[in-house]
Amino acid sequence: MTVEDIHFSDIDSHWGKNYIEKLAKSGVVNGKSKNKFKPDDRVTRAEFSKMLSIAFSVNNSADLPLFKDVKSTDWYYDYVNSLYLAGIVNGTSGTSFSPQKPITREESVVMIMRLYNLASKSTVIPDDELTFKDESQISFWAVKDAEKAVYLNIIQGTSSGNFAPKRNLTRAEAAALICRLAEVLY
């Protein structure tokens, strides 16, 4: 399949179409099948790690497994370990990564902002605090990164005025975050 052959019939009227097509053409994301992207499906921690690793060329290597649930035979092994060694991702515990667990919006924002900090080497100081209806539901460890990502327009709230920090990130949202981060960095 060539880049010209990429067409997902389920994104034609989706808000994330441009982001998805851009990342599909650059090899960062794949469809769930040849003609279906499934933009509203949730993204796992392993899938998001792969997307970030490929999109921003994070390629560190580790000879030993860093998490007991990320084996050297797993397709996501190099992606997860590369991001961990770069300081972009943490495990869900000291020994587990939980690769098949869906990633939340707040977890993804923290990863995105760590990548931003690594790549840009600049400091972001938001003008305002968050003004989402559910901002009190954002975990304390994600608040500053959420503020910075909103300030940089990397992430936006939902149509109902919420941040939805605990909601699972969708495939379309993942594509949008990655494209917006790339726009800010480059």
Protein backbone atom coordinates (compact mmCIF):
# COMPACT_ATOMS: atom_id res chain seq x y z
CA MET A 1 0.00 0.00 0.00
CA THR A 2 1.34 3.42 -0.92
CA VAL A 3 0.64 6.73 0.79
CA GLU A 4 -1.82 7.57 -1.98
CA ASP A 5 -3.77 4.39 -1.20
CA ILE A 6 -4.54 5.47 2.36
CA HIS A 7 -8.22 6.22 2.75
CA PHE A 8 -10.29 5.48 5.80
CA SER A 9 -14.00 5.50 4.99
CA ASP A 10 -14.96 6.11 8.61
CA ILE A 11 -13.27 9.53 8.92
CA ASP A 12 -14.78 11.38 5.97
CA SER A 13 -16.99 13.54 8.17
CA HIS A 14 -15.02 13.19 11.41
CA TRP A 15 -13.55 16.29 13.11
CA GLY A 16 -10.13 14.57 13.30
CA LYS A 17 -9.87 13.69 9.60
CA ASN A 18 -6.98 16.05 8.76
CA TYR A 19 -4.93 15.00 11.79
CA ILE A 20 -5.50 11.31 11.09
CA GLU A 21 -4.65 11.56 7.40
CA LYS A 22 -1.50 13.55 8.13
CA LEU A 23 -0.22 10.97 10.62
CA ALA A 24 -1.27 8.01 8.47
CA LYS A 25 0.63 9.41 5.49
CA SER A 26 3.73 9.86 7.61
CA GLY A 27 3.48 6.32 9.02
CA VAL A 28 2.74 7.34 12.61
CA VAL A 29 -0.71 5.72 12.77
CA ASN A 30 -2.34 2.79 11.04
CA GLY A 31 -5.93 1.87 10.51
CA LYS A 32 -7.63 -0.93 12.39
CA SER A 33 -8.11 -2.42 8.92
CA LYS A 34 -7.26 -1.26 5.39
CA ASN A 35 -10.26 1.07 5.12
CA LYS A 36 -11.24 1.71 8.75
CA PHE A 37 -9.42 3.88 11.25
CA LYS A 38 -11.96 3.70 14.10
CA PRO A 39 -11.34 7.31 15.25
CA ASP A 40 -13.51 7.06 18.35
CA ASP A 41 -11.95 3.84 19.68
CA ARG A 42 -9.83 4.22 22.78
CA VAL A 43 -6.03 4.17 22.70
CA THR A 44 -3.96 1.91 24.92
CA ARG A 45 -0.84 3.02 26.74
CA ALA A 46 1.22 0.85 24.36
CA GLU A 47 -0.42 2.30 21.23
CA PHE A 48 0.09 5.88 22.37
CA SER A 49 3.71 5.10 23.21
CA LYS A 50 4.24 3.78 19.69
CA MET A 51 2.64 6.86 18.13
CA LEU A 52 4.80 9.26 20.15
CA SER A 53 7.97 7.27 19.63
CA ILE A 54 7.53 7.18 15.85
CA ALA A 55 6.24 10.75 15.47
CA PHE A 56 9.10 12.31 17.41
CA SER A 57 11.84 9.77 16.71
CA VAL A 58 12.39 8.72 20.31
CA ASN A 59 14.68 5.74 19.91
CA ASN A 60 16.59 4.72 23.00
CA SER A 61 17.46 1.12 23.63
CA ALA A 62 17.50 -1.13 26.64
CA ASP A 63 18.75 -4.68 26.67
CA LEU A 64 16.75 -5.62 29.73
CA PRO A 65 12.99 -5.38 30.14
CA LEU A 66 12.19 -2.36 32.30
CA PHE A 67 8.68 -3.54 33.23
CA LYS A 68 7.54 -7.06 34.08
CA ASP A 69 4.55 -6.71 31.72
CA VAL A 70 6.58 -5.44 28.73
CA LYS A 71 8.46 -8.40 27.28
CA SER A 72 11.13 -8.25 24.58
CA THR A 73 8.81 -10.20 22.25
CA ASP A 74 6.00 -7.62 22.54
CA TRP A 75 5.48 -5.32 19.53
CA TYR A 76 5.55 -2.28 21.83
CA TYR A 77 8.73 -3.23 23.74
CA ASP A 78 11.08 -0.76 22.03
CA TYR A 79 8.55 2.08 22.02
CA VAL A 80 7.71 1.84 25.71
CA ASN A 81 11.32 1.41 26.80
CA SER A 82 12.49 4.29 24.59
CA LEU A 83 9.95 6.67 26.07
CA TYR A 84 10.70 5.47 29.59
CA LEU A 85 14.46 5.97 29.14
CA ALA A 86 13.78 9.45 27.73
CA GLY A 87 11.71 10.34 30.81
CA ILE A 88 8.47 10.72 28.86
CA VAL A 89 6.49 7.84 30.33
CA ASN A 90 6.27 6.14 33.70
CA GLY A 91 4.82 2.84 34.70
CA THR A 92 1.56 2.39 36.55
CA SER A 93 3.71 1.03 39.37
CA GLY A 94 7.42 0.55 39.94
CA THR A 95 7.41 -2.70 37.98
CA SER A 96 4.35 -2.54 35.68
CA PHE A 97 3.51 -0.46 32.63
CA SER A 98 -0.03 -1.77 31.95
CA PRO A 99 0.40 -1.63 28.16
CA GLN A 100 -3.14 -2.76 27.31
CA LYS A 101 -4.79 -0.32 29.69
CA PRO A 102 -6.53 2.57 27.92
CA ILE A 103 -4.68 5.86 28.36
CA THR A 104 -6.61 8.74 29.89
CA ARG A 105 -6.65 12.28 28.63
CA GLU A 106 -4.68 13.49 31.64
CA GLU A 107 -2.04 10.75 31.25
CA SER A 108 -1.61 11.62 27.58
CA VAL A 109 -1.22 15.33 28.35
CA VAL A 110 1.53 14.60 30.85
CA MET A 111 3.39 12.50 28.26
CA ILE A 112 2.91 15.16 25.59
CA MET A 113 4.24 17.91 27.83
CA ARG A 114 7.25 15.85 28.92
CA LEU A 115 8.04 15.38 25.25
CA TYR A 116 7.55 19.10 24.68
CA ASN A 117 9.92 19.93 27.55
CA LEU A 118 12.53 17.51 26.21
CA ALA A 119 12.32 18.76 22.62
CA SER A 120 11.86 22.49 23.14
CA LYS A 121 14.02 23.17 26.17
CA SER A 122 11.83 26.18 26.85
CA THR A 123 9.57 26.98 29.75
CA VAL A 124 5.87 27.58 29.36
CA ILE A 125 4.12 29.85 31.83
CA PRO A 126 0.38 29.91 31.17
CA ASP A 127 -1.40 33.24 31.47
CA ASP A 128 -4.51 31.80 33.10
CA GLU A 129 -5.56 28.87 35.19
CA LEU A 130 -7.83 26.22 33.75
CA THR A 131 -11.49 27.14 33.42
CA PHE A 132 -13.09 23.77 32.74
CA LYS A 133 -16.25 22.78 34.59
CA ASP A 134 -14.50 19.64 35.83
CA GLU A 135 -11.02 21.03 36.45
CA SER A 136 -11.16 19.84 40.08
CA GLN A 137 -11.20 16.26 38.76
CA ILE A 138 -7.75 16.62 37.16
CA SER A 139 -5.20 14.71 39.24
CA PHE A 140 -2.72 16.92 41.09
CA TRP A 141 0.18 15.42 39.12
CA ALA A 142 -1.41 16.44 35.80
CA VAL A 143 -2.71 19.97 36.55
CA LYS A 144 0.41 21.93 35.54
CA ASP A 145 0.86 19.93 32.33
CA ALA A 146 -2.83 20.35 31.50
CA GLU A 147 -2.53 24.12 32.00
CA LYS A 148 0.52 24.27 29.72
CA ALA A 149 -1.04 22.08 27.03
CA VAL A 150 -4.22 24.17 27.00
CA TYR A 151 -2.15 27.38 26.86
CA LEU A 152 -0.19 26.02 23.87
CA ASN A 153 -3.45 24.84 22.24
CA ILE A 154 -2.22 21.25 22.17
CA ILE A 155 -5.37 20.03 23.89
CA GLN A 156 -8.83 21.48 24.11
CA GLY A 157 -11.82 20.79 26.26
CA THR A 158 -14.88 18.85 25.23
CA SER A 159 -17.91 20.45 23.60
CA SER A 160 -19.60 20.50 27.01
CA GLY A 161 -16.85 22.65 28.54
CA ASN A 162 -15.10 19.85 30.40
CA PHE A 163 -11.51 18.65 30.35
CA ALA A 164 -12.62 15.04 30.95
CA PRO A 165 -9.31 14.04 32.56
CA LYS A 166 -10.28 10.47 33.42
CA ARG A 167 -11.94 9.74 30.08
CA ASN A 168 -10.08 7.42 27.75
CA LEU A 169 -8.25 9.15 24.93
CA THR A 170 -9.62 8.34 21.48
CA ARG A 171 -7.55 7.52 18.41
CA ALA A 172 -8.62 10.81 16.80
CA GLU A 173 -7.67 12.78 19.92
CA ALA A 174 -4.28 11.07 19.97
CA ALA A 175 -3.69 12.11 16.36
CA ALA A 176 -4.73 15.69 17.16
CA LEU A 177 -2.42 15.90 20.19
CA ILE A 178 0.55 14.64 18.20
CA CYS A 179 -0.08 16.99 15.27
CA ARG A 180 -0.59 20.00 17.53
CA LEU A 181 2.58 19.22 19.48
CA ALA A 182 4.50 18.96 16.22
CA GLU A 183 3.10 22.34 15.13
CA VAL A 184 4.25 23.93 18.39
CA LEU A 185 7.72 22.35 18.21
CA TYR A 186 8.43 22.80 14.54
